[in-house]
Amino acid sequence: MHSNYSLFYTFDGDQPARFREARVFGTTVWTAGGAAMTWGEETRTQYASEAAAHAAYAARCQAALADGYALARATAIDPAVFDFALLQSLVAHAARLAVDAVRRAHPEQHIDAVALVSDDSAMTIGLMANSREALAASEYGEEMLWNPAEWAFEDGGAHFDSAYRLLLQAHRELPFEVDFGALRSGVFDACIAALAQLDAEGCFGTGAQRDESLLLFEVSDSEPVEGALARLNPPAVVARYEAWMASWAE
């Protein structure tokens, strides 16, 4: 059963502050709203016919606009298909803005490490960043470099709300038929591809400058995604990681 879906935001500067969602499937209208990067509060209303449900859905969308929300996405959803291309686009856009937010918030720092972090259920995506100054000041030394959970900066997180909304459809009681294993691997691959896309655009420098910058994709409380480090970094960075790992075996 296909759904019609709309997502709306109010903003604090350039970051989403509050969201509203509306979705209609069959004779059901589902809505949610609240602060960005939260589940928010949801409602679910049954109507006597699909026509009545669609009319109510349209009314909810108009009400969001009347209340000062801006439309961010309107689409039809096939519950048997997850739009990984859209996810990659949303994550790349959010990561670009979040990196800019970190750099603006900490102009005295040389930001040289950026990681996208998800979780084992592929429900969340966030960005962590670190600087050469923070690394030098850390008591953990080189170990800190390879552990984004210990990094110093996470500005701009609300930029990921639109990607988060896309992922949440798999975790709410909504029509969703995609195999979880395929979803999980596809989400992780989309995150890696999004970072690689920004790297190709020169977001993290080029040449010698790029060799001094680290990109990571991490899954919290889980094993590293095989091949991600090499996919995201030049040989000099991979060699640094291998040397660090070898030092633990000595």
C-alpha atoms as a PDB file:
ATOM      1  CA  MET A   1       0.000   0.000   0.000  1.00  0.00           C
ATOM      2  CA  HIS A   2       1.621   3.227  -1.182  1.00  0.00           C
ATOM      3  CA  SER A   3       1.586   6.301   1.073  1.00  0.00           C
ATOM      4  CA  ASN A   4       1.639  10.021   0.456  1.00  0.00           C
ATOM      5  CA  TYR A   5       4.043  11.787   2.805  1.00  0.00           C
ATOM      6  CA  SER A   6       4.977  15.390   3.600  1.00  0.00           C
ATOM      7  CA  LEU A   7       7.633  16.833   5.919  1.00  0.00           C
ATOM      8  CA  PHE A   8       7.657  20.427   7.215  1.00  0.00           C
ATOM      9  CA  TYR A   9      10.090  22.486   9.306  1.00  0.00           C
ATOM     10  CA  THR A  10      10.550  25.680  11.208  1.00  0.00           C
ATOM     11  CA  PHE A  11      14.144  26.823  11.469  1.00  0.00           C
ATOM     12  CA  ASP A  12      16.598  28.314  13.931  1.00  0.00           C
ATOM     13  CA  GLY A  13      19.021  30.071  11.610  1.00  0.00           C
ATOM     14  CA  ASP A  14      19.784  27.488   8.937  1.00  0.00           C
ATOM     15  CA  GLN A  15      19.056  24.458  11.134  1.00  0.00           C
ATOM     16  CA  PRO A  16      15.704  22.696  11.544  1.00  0.00           C
ATOM     17  CA  ALA A  17      14.164  23.553  14.906  1.00  0.00           C
ATOM     18  CA  ARG A  18      10.770  21.811  14.830  1.00  0.00           C
ATOM     19  CA  PHE A  19       9.211  19.354  12.420  1.00  0.00           C
ATOM     20  CA  ARG A  20       5.799  18.173  11.367  1.00  0.00           C
ATOM     21  CA  GLU A  21       5.099  15.042   9.338  1.00  0.00           C
ATOM     22  CA  ALA A  22       1.886  13.848   7.694  1.00  0.00           C
ATOM     23  CA  ARG A  23       1.305  10.519   5.958  1.00  0.00           C
ATOM     24  CA  VAL A  24      -1.790   8.883   4.509  1.00  0.00           C
ATOM     25  CA  PHE A  25      -2.145   5.187   3.744  1.00  0.00           C
ATOM     26  CA  GLY A  26      -5.484   3.572   3.004  1.00  0.00           C
ATOM     27  CA  THR A  27      -7.998   5.161   5.352  1.00  0.00           C
ATOM     28  CA  THR A  28      -5.366   6.150   7.944  1.00  0.00           C
ATOM     29  CA  VAL A  29      -3.763   9.568   8.453  1.00  0.00           C
ATOM     30  CA  TRP A  30      -0.628   9.523  10.579  1.00  0.00           C
ATOM     31  CA  THR A  31       1.083  12.660  11.886  1.00  0.00           C
ATOM     32  CA  ALA A  32       4.056  13.465  14.084  1.00  0.00           C
ATOM     33  CA  GLY A  33       5.595  16.683  15.347  1.00  0.00           C
ATOM     34  CA  GLY A  34       8.118  18.015  17.802  1.00  0.00           C
ATOM     35  CA  ALA A  35      11.680  19.207  18.171  1.00  0.00           C
ATOM     36  CA  ALA A  36      14.220  18.282  15.515  1.00  0.00           C
ATOM     37  CA  MET A  37      16.139  15.037  16.104  1.00  0.00           C
ATOM     38  CA  THR A  38      13.409  13.629  18.366  1.00  0.00           C
ATOM     39  CA  TRP A  39      10.618  11.150  17.646  1.00  0.00           C
ATOM     40  CA  GLY A  40       8.102  13.803  18.588  1.00  0.00           C
ATOM     41  CA  GLU A  41       4.454  13.079  19.389  1.00  0.00           C
ATOM     42  CA  GLU A  42       2.357  11.136  16.898  1.00  0.00           C
ATOM     43  CA  THR A  43      -1.334  10.755  16.108  1.00  0.00           C
ATOM     44  CA  ARG A  44      -3.143   8.157  14.031  1.00  0.00           C
ATOM     45  CA  THR A  45      -6.697   8.755  12.795  1.00  0.00           C
ATOM     46  CA  GLN A  46      -8.972   6.405  10.884  1.00  0.00           C
ATOM     47  CA  TYR A  47     -11.494   7.729   8.333  1.00  0.00           C
ATOM     48  CA  ALA A  48     -14.549   6.202   6.724  1.00  0.00           C
ATOM     49  CA  SER A  49     -13.019   6.198   3.241  1.00  0.00           C
ATOM     50  CA  GLU A  50      -9.752   6.738   1.433  1.00  0.00           C
ATOM     51  CA  ALA A  51     -11.153   9.939  -0.050  1.00  0.00           C
ATOM     52  CA  ALA A  52     -11.898  11.296   3.426  1.00  0.00           C
ATOM     53  CA  ALA A  53      -8.425  10.297   4.607  1.00  0.00           C
ATOM     54  CA  HIS A  54      -6.759  12.078   1.683  1.00  0.00           C
ATOM     55  CA  ALA A  55      -8.826  15.188   2.335  1.00  0.00           C
ATOM     56  CA  ALA A  56      -7.748  15.136   5.993  1.00  0.00           C
ATOM     57  CA  TYR A  57      -4.128  14.627   4.965  1.00  0.00           C
ATOM     58  CA  ALA A  58      -4.298  17.644   2.653  1.00  0.00           C
ATOM     59  CA  ALA A  59      -5.842  19.684   5.465  1.00  0.00           C
ATOM     60  CA  ARG A  60      -2.994  18.725   7.826  1.00  0.00           C
ATOM     61  CA  CYS A  61      -0.455  19.841   5.232  1.00  0.00           C
ATOM     62  CA  GLN A  62      -2.217  23.166   4.731  1.00  0.00           C
ATOM     63  CA  ALA A  63      -2.368  23.686   8.494  1.00  0.00           C
ATOM     64  CA  ALA A  64       1.391  23.199   8.780  1.00  0.00           C
ATOM     65  CA  LEU A  65       1.990  25.863   6.145  1.00  0.00           C
ATOM     66  CA  ALA A  66      -0.491  28.199   7.837  1.00  0.00           C
ATOM     67  CA  ASP A  67       1.380  27.738  11.124  1.00  0.00           C
ATOM     68  CA  GLY A  68       4.630  28.951   9.550  1.00  0.00           C
ATOM     69  CA  TYR A  69       6.245  25.630   8.674  1.00  0.00           C
ATOM     70  CA  ALA A  70       8.055  25.263   5.350  1.00  0.00           C
ATOM     71  CA  LEU A  71       7.615  22.202   3.156  1.00  0.00           C
ATOM     72  CA  ALA A  72      10.866  20.206   3.009  1.00  0.00           C
ATOM     73  CA  ARG A  73       9.749  17.033   1.250  1.00  0.00           C
ATOM     74  CA  ALA A  74       6.589  15.691  -0.367  1.00  0.00           C
ATOM     75  CA  THR A  75       6.684  12.236  -1.885  1.00  0.00           C
ATOM     76  CA  ALA A  76       4.937   8.949  -2.495  1.00  0.00           C
ATOM     77  CA  ILE A  77       6.326   6.032  -0.482  1.00  0.00           C
ATOM     78  CA  ASP A  78       6.381   2.411  -1.577  1.00  0.00           C
ATOM     79  CA  PRO A  79       6.714   0.386   1.647  1.00  0.00           C
ATOM     80  CA  ALA A  80       8.642  -2.319  -0.229  1.00  0.00           C
ATOM     81  CA  VAL A  81      11.334   0.101  -1.442  1.00  0.00           C
ATOM     82  CA  PHE A  82      13.742   2.237   0.569  1.00  0.00           C
ATOM     83  CA  ASP A  83      15.167   5.269  -1.241  1.00  0.00           C
ATOM     84  CA  PHE A  84      18.894   4.895  -0.559  1.00  0.00           C
ATOM     85  CA  ALA A  85      19.778   7.490  -3.210  1.00  0.00           C
ATOM     86  CA  LEU A  86      17.658  10.058  -1.383  1.00  0.00           C
ATOM     87  CA  LEU A  87      19.289   9.093   1.909  1.00  0.00           C
ATOM     88  CA  GLN A  88      22.759   9.588   0.467  1.00  0.00           C
ATOM     89  CA  SER A  89      21.757  12.999  -0.882  1.00  0.00           C
ATOM     90  CA  LEU A  90      20.258  14.057   2.461  1.00  0.00           C
ATOM     91  CA  VAL A  91      23.275  12.829   4.434  1.00  0.00           C
ATOM     92  CA  ALA A  92      25.764  14.515   2.102  1.00  0.00           C
ATOM     93  CA  HIS A  93      23.869  17.811   2.349  1.00  0.00           C
ATOM     94  CA  ALA A  94      23.589  17.560   6.130  1.00  0.00           C
ATOM     95  CA  ALA A  95      27.251  16.606   6.574  1.00  0.00           C
ATOM     96  CA  ARG A  96      28.369  19.520   4.420  1.00  0.00           C
ATOM     97  CA  LEU A  97      26.352  21.953   6.539  1.00  0.00           C
ATOM     98  CA  ALA A  98      27.439  20.328   9.811  1.00  0.00           C
ATOM     99  CA  VAL A  99      31.135  20.526   8.899  1.00  0.00           C
ATOM    100  CA  ASP A 100      30.638  24.199   8.033  1.00  0.00           C
ATOM    101  CA  ALA A 101      28.909  24.678  11.414  1.00  0.00           C
ATOM    102  CA  VAL A 102      31.856  23.106  13.246  1.00  0.00           C
ATOM    103  CA  ARG A 103      34.338  25.295  11.396  1.00  0.00           C
ATOM    104  CA  ARG A 104      32.325  28.445  12.104  1.00  0.00           C
ATOM    105  CA  ALA A 105      31.881  27.576  15.777  1.00  0.00           C
ATOM    106  CA  HIS A 106      35.586  26.815  16.296  1.00  0.00           C
ATOM    107  CA  PRO A 107      37.575  29.069  13.945  1.00  0.00           C
ATOM    108  CA  GLU A 108      40.698  28.736  16.091  1.00  0.00           C
ATOM    109  CA  GLN A 109      40.777  24.960  15.581  1.00  0.00           C
ATOM    110  CA  HIS A 110      42.239  23.084  12.620  1.00  0.00           C
ATOM    111  CA  ILE A 111      39.456  20.580  11.938  1.00  0.00           C
ATOM    112  CA  ASP A 112      41.167  17.538  10.475  1.00  0.00           C
ATOM    113  CA  ALA A 113      38.957  14.586  11.436  1.00  0.00           C
ATOM    114  CA  VAL A 114      35.292  14.033  10.541  1.00  0.00           C
ATOM    115  CA  ALA A 115      33.127  10.977  11.177  1.00  0.00           C
ATOM    116  CA  LEU A 116      29.577   9.984  10.445  1.00  0.00           C
ATOM    117  CA  VAL A 117      28.229   7.780  13.217  1.00  0.00           C
ATOM    118  CA  SER A 118      25.207   5.482  13.129  1.00  0.00           C
ATOM    119  CA  ASP A 119      23.966   2.701  15.385  1.00  0.00           C
ATOM    120  CA  ASP A 120      23.515  -1.029  14.961  1.00  0.00           C
ATOM    121  CA  SER A 121      19.813  -0.665  14.138  1.00  0.00           C
ATOM    122  CA  ALA A 122      20.531   1.987  11.475  1.00  0.00           C
ATOM    123  CA  MET A 123      18.148   4.434  13.113  1.00  0.00           C
ATOM    124  CA  THR A 124      20.385   7.454  13.732  1.00  0.00           C
ATOM    125  CA  ILE A 125      23.049   9.417  11.874  1.00  0.00           C
ATOM    126  CA  GLY A 126      25.232  12.121  13.382  1.00  0.00           C
ATOM    127  CA  LEU A 127      28.529  13.852  12.770  1.00  0.00           C
ATOM    128  CA  MET A 128      31.556  14.133  15.035  1.00  0.00           C
ATOM    129  CA  ALA A 129      34.668  16.185  14.344  1.00  0.00           C
ATOM    130  CA  ASN A 130      38.059  16.719  15.900  1.00  0.00           C
ATOM    131  CA  SER A 131      41.039  19.025  15.489  1.00  0.00           C
ATOM    132  CA  ARG A 132      44.795  18.707  15.681  1.00  0.00           C
ATOM    133  CA  GLU A 133      44.693  20.911  18.789  1.00  0.00           C
ATOM    134  CA  ALA A 134      42.171  18.651  20.551  1.00  0.00           C
ATOM    135  CA  LEU A 135      44.208  15.582  19.621  1.00  0.00           C
ATOM    136  CA  ALA A 136      47.411  17.137  20.954  1.00  0.00           C
ATOM    137  CA  ALA A 137      45.717  18.034  24.238  1.00  0.00           C
ATOM    138  CA  SER A 138      44.190  14.587  24.766  1.00  0.00           C
ATOM    139  CA  GLU A 139      45.641  12.231  27.343  1.00  0.00           C
ATOM    140  CA  TYR A 140      44.701   9.315  25.084  1.00  0.00           C
ATOM    141  CA  GLY A 141      47.125  10.262  22.311  1.00  0.00           C
ATOM    142  CA  GLU A 142      46.813   8.405  19.008  1.00  0.00           C
ATOM    143  CA  GLU A 143      44.006   6.236  20.394  1.00  0.00           C
ATOM    144  CA  MET A 144      41.721   9.261  20.394  1.00  0.00           C
ATOM    145  CA  LEU A 145      42.248   9.764  16.669  1.00  0.00           C
ATOM    146  CA  TRP A 146      40.513   6.489  15.788  1.00  0.00           C
ATOM    147  CA  ASN A 147      37.646   6.802  18.286  1.00  0.00           C
ATOM    148  CA  PRO A 148      35.057   9.413  17.248  1.00  0.00           C
ATOM    149  CA  ALA A 149      33.175   8.988  20.525  1.00  0.00           C
ATOM    150  CA  GLU A 150      36.115  10.781  22.165  1.00  0.00           C
ATOM    151  CA  TRP A 151      36.186  13.672  19.692  1.00  0.00           C
ATOM    152  CA  ALA A 152      35.559  17.233  20.737  1.00  0.00           C
ATOM    153  CA  PHE A 153      32.948  18.692  18.364  1.00  0.00           C
ATOM    154  CA  GLU A 154      29.401  17.820  17.228  1.00  0.00           C
ATOM    155  CA  ASP A 155      27.910  21.107  16.055  1.00  0.00           C
ATOM    156  CA  GLY A 156      25.179  21.178  13.417  1.00  0.00           C
ATOM    157  CA  GLY A 157      23.483  17.930  14.381  1.00  0.00           C
ATOM    158  CA  ALA A 158      19.967  19.163  13.548  1.00  0.00           C
ATOM    159  CA  HIS A 159      20.904  19.259   9.866  1.00  0.00           C
ATOM    160  CA  PHE A 160      20.517  15.474   9.888  1.00  0.00           C
ATOM    161  CA  ASP A 161      16.844  15.584  10.873  1.00  0.00           C
ATOM    162  CA  SER A 162      15.527  15.013   7.355  1.00  0.00           C
ATOM    163  CA  ALA A 163      17.678  11.877   6.991  1.00  0.00           C
ATOM    164  CA  TYR A 164      16.543  10.792  10.464  1.00  0.00           C
ATOM    165  CA  ARG A 165      12.885  11.112   9.429  1.00  0.00           C
ATOM    166  CA  LEU A 166      13.585   8.881   6.442  1.00  0.00           C
ATOM    167  CA  LEU A 167      15.135   6.211   8.675  1.00  0.00           C
ATOM    168  CA  LEU A 168      12.409   6.356  11.319  1.00  0.00           C
ATOM    169  CA  GLN A 169       9.788   4.962   8.958  1.00  0.00           C
ATOM    170  CA  ALA A 170      11.499   1.590   9.489  1.00  0.00           C
ATOM    171  CA  HIS A 171      11.199   1.855  13.264  1.00  0.00           C
ATOM    172  CA  ARG A 172       7.694   3.217  13.767  1.00  0.00           C
ATOM    173  CA  GLU A 173       4.503   1.201  13.346  1.00  0.00           C
ATOM    174  CA  LEU A 174       4.098   2.282   9.729  1.00  0.00           C
ATOM    175  CA  PRO A 175       3.836   0.281   6.493  1.00  0.00           C
ATOM    176  CA  PHE A 176       7.381  -0.953   5.845  1.00  0.00           C
ATOM    177  CA  GLU A 177       8.418  -4.152   4.105  1.00  0.00           C
ATOM    178  CA  VAL A 178      12.168  -3.780   3.430  1.00  0.00           C
ATOM    179  CA  ASP A 179      14.366  -6.551   4.819  1.00  0.00           C
ATOM    180  CA  PHE A 180      16.265  -5.257   7.848  1.00  0.00           C
ATOM    181  CA  GLY A 181      19.614  -6.678   6.752  1.00  0.00           C
ATOM    182  CA  ALA A 182      19.307  -4.995   3.374  1.00  0.00           C
ATOM    183  CA  LEU A 183      18.216  -1.762   5.053  1.00  0.00           C
ATOM    184  CA  ARG A 184      21.126  -1.778   7.488  1.00  0.00           C
ATOM    185  CA  SER A 185      23.806  -2.441   4.890  1.00  0.00           C
ATOM    186  CA  GLY A 186      22.247   0.044   2.481  1.00  0.00           C
ATOM    187  CA  VAL A 187      22.071   2.802   5.094  1.00  0.00           C
ATOM    188  CA  PHE A 188      25.697   2.293   6.055  1.00  0.00           C
ATOM    189  CA  ASP A 189      26.788   2.280   2.418  1.00  0.00           C
ATOM    190  CA  ALA A 190      24.836   5.486   1.760  1.00  0.00           C
ATOM    191  CA  CYS A 191      26.633   7.197   4.656  1.00  0.00           C
ATOM    192  CA  ILE A 192      30.033   6.121   3.382  1.00  0.00           C
ATOM    193  CA  ALA A 193      29.127   7.217  -0.141  1.00  0.00           C
ATOM    194  CA  ALA A 194      27.968  10.608   1.180  1.00  0.00           C
ATOM    195  CA  LEU A 195      31.326  11.236   2.874  1.00  0.00           C
ATOM    196  CA  ALA A 196      33.170  10.076  -0.239  1.00  0.00           C
ATOM    197  CA  GLN A 197      31.072  12.499  -2.277  1.00  0.00           C
ATOM    198  CA  LEU A 198      32.080  15.435  -0.082  1.00  0.00           C
ATOM    199  CA  ASP A 199      35.699  14.318  -0.209  1.00  0.00           C
ATOM    200  CA  ALA A 200      35.584  14.287  -4.016  1.00  0.00           C
ATOM    201  CA  GLU A 201      34.265  17.864  -3.873  1.00  0.00           C
ATOM    202  CA  GLY A 202      37.361  18.911  -1.907  1.00  0.00           C
ATOM    203  CA  CYS A 203      35.490  19.531   1.347  1.00  0.00           C
ATOM    204  CA  PHE A 204      38.382  18.077   3.359  1.00  0.00           C
ATOM    205  CA  GLY A 205      41.276  19.473   1.350  1.00  0.00           C
ATOM    206  CA  THR A 206      43.428  18.064  -1.414  1.00  0.00           C
ATOM    207  CA  GLY A 207      46.971  16.764  -1.778  1.00  0.00           C
ATOM    208  CA  ALA A 208      49.147  16.994   1.335  1.00  0.00           C
ATOM    209  CA  GLN A 209      46.337  18.686   3.280  1.00  0.00           C
ATOM    210  CA  ARG A 210      44.028  15.756   2.558  1.00  0.00           C
ATOM    211  CA  ASP A 211      46.708  13.281   3.675  1.00  0.00           C
ATOM    212  CA  GLU A 212      46.557  14.936   7.097  1.00  0.00           C
ATOM    213  CA  SER A 213      42.763  14.653   7.391  1.00  0.00           C
ATOM    214  CA  LEU A 214      40.795  11.610   8.532  1.00  0.00           C
ATOM    215  CA  LEU A 215      37.329  10.491   7.460  1.00  0.00           C
ATOM    216  CA  LEU A 216      35.522   7.707   9.294  1.00  0.00           C
ATOM    217  CA  PHE A 217      32.188   5.964   9.295  1.00  0.00           C
ATOM    218  CA  GLU A 218      31.442   4.306  12.632  1.00  0.00           C
ATOM    219  CA  VAL A 219      28.657   2.133  13.994  1.00  0.00           C
ATOM    220  CA  SER A 220      28.427   2.681  17.730  1.00  0.00           C
ATOM    221  CA  ASP A 221      28.960  -0.413  19.877  1.00  0.00           C
ATOM    222  CA  SER A 222      29.601  -2.539  16.804  1.00  0.00           C
ATOM    223  CA  GLU A 223      32.434  -3.813  14.634  1.00  0.00           C
ATOM    224  CA  PRO A 224      33.939  -1.488  11.990  1.00  0.00           C
ATOM    225  CA  VAL A 225      32.341  -1.659   8.551  1.00  0.00           C
ATOM    226  CA  GLU A 226      34.768  -3.632   6.417  1.00  0.00           C
ATOM    227  CA  GLY A 227      36.551  -1.523   3.820  1.00  0.00           C
ATOM    228  CA  ALA A 228      35.150   1.822   4.985  1.00  0.00           C
ATOM    229  CA  LEU A 229      38.471   3.275   6.150  1.00  0.00           C
ATOM    230  CA  ALA A 230      40.238   2.508   2.876  1.00  0.00           C
ATOM    231  CA  ARG A 231      37.262   3.700   0.840  1.00  0.00           C
ATOM    232  CA  LEU A 232      37.251   7.069   2.567  1.00  0.00           C
ATOM    233  CA  ASN A 233      40.949   7.846   2.976  1.00  0.00           C
ATOM    234  CA  PRO A 234      44.169   8.116   0.957  1.00  0.00           C
ATOM    235  CA  PRO A 235      46.912   5.493   1.449  1.00  0.00           C
ATOM    236  CA  ALA A 236      48.844   7.703   3.883  1.00  0.00           C
ATOM    237  CA  VAL A 237      45.928   7.710   6.325  1.00  0.00           C
ATOM    238  CA  VAL A 238      45.347   3.981   5.959  1.00  0.00           C
ATOM    239  CA  ALA A 239      49.046   3.361   6.627  1.00  0.00           C
ATOM    240  CA  ARG A 240      48.842   5.470   9.788  1.00  0.00           C
ATOM    241  CA  TYR A 241      45.941   3.375  11.032  1.00  0.00           C
ATOM    242  CA  GLU A 242      47.716   0.120  10.241  1.00  0.00           C
ATOM    243  CA  ALA A 243      50.812   1.313  12.105  1.00  0.00           C
ATOM    244  CA  TRP A 244      48.685   2.185  15.126  1.00  0.00           C
ATOM    245  CA  MET A 245      47.008  -1.212  15.070  1.00  0.00           C
ATOM    246  CA  ALA A 246      50.392  -2.921  14.762  1.00  0.00           C
ATOM    247  CA  SER A 247      51.634  -1.046  17.833  1.00  0.00           C
ATOM    248  CA  TRP A 248      48.988  -2.816  19.920  1.00  0.00           C
ATOM    249  CA  ALA A 249      50.422  -6.195  18.939  1.00  0.00           C
ATOM    250  CA  GLU A 250      53.930  -5.325  20.081  1.00  0.00           C
END
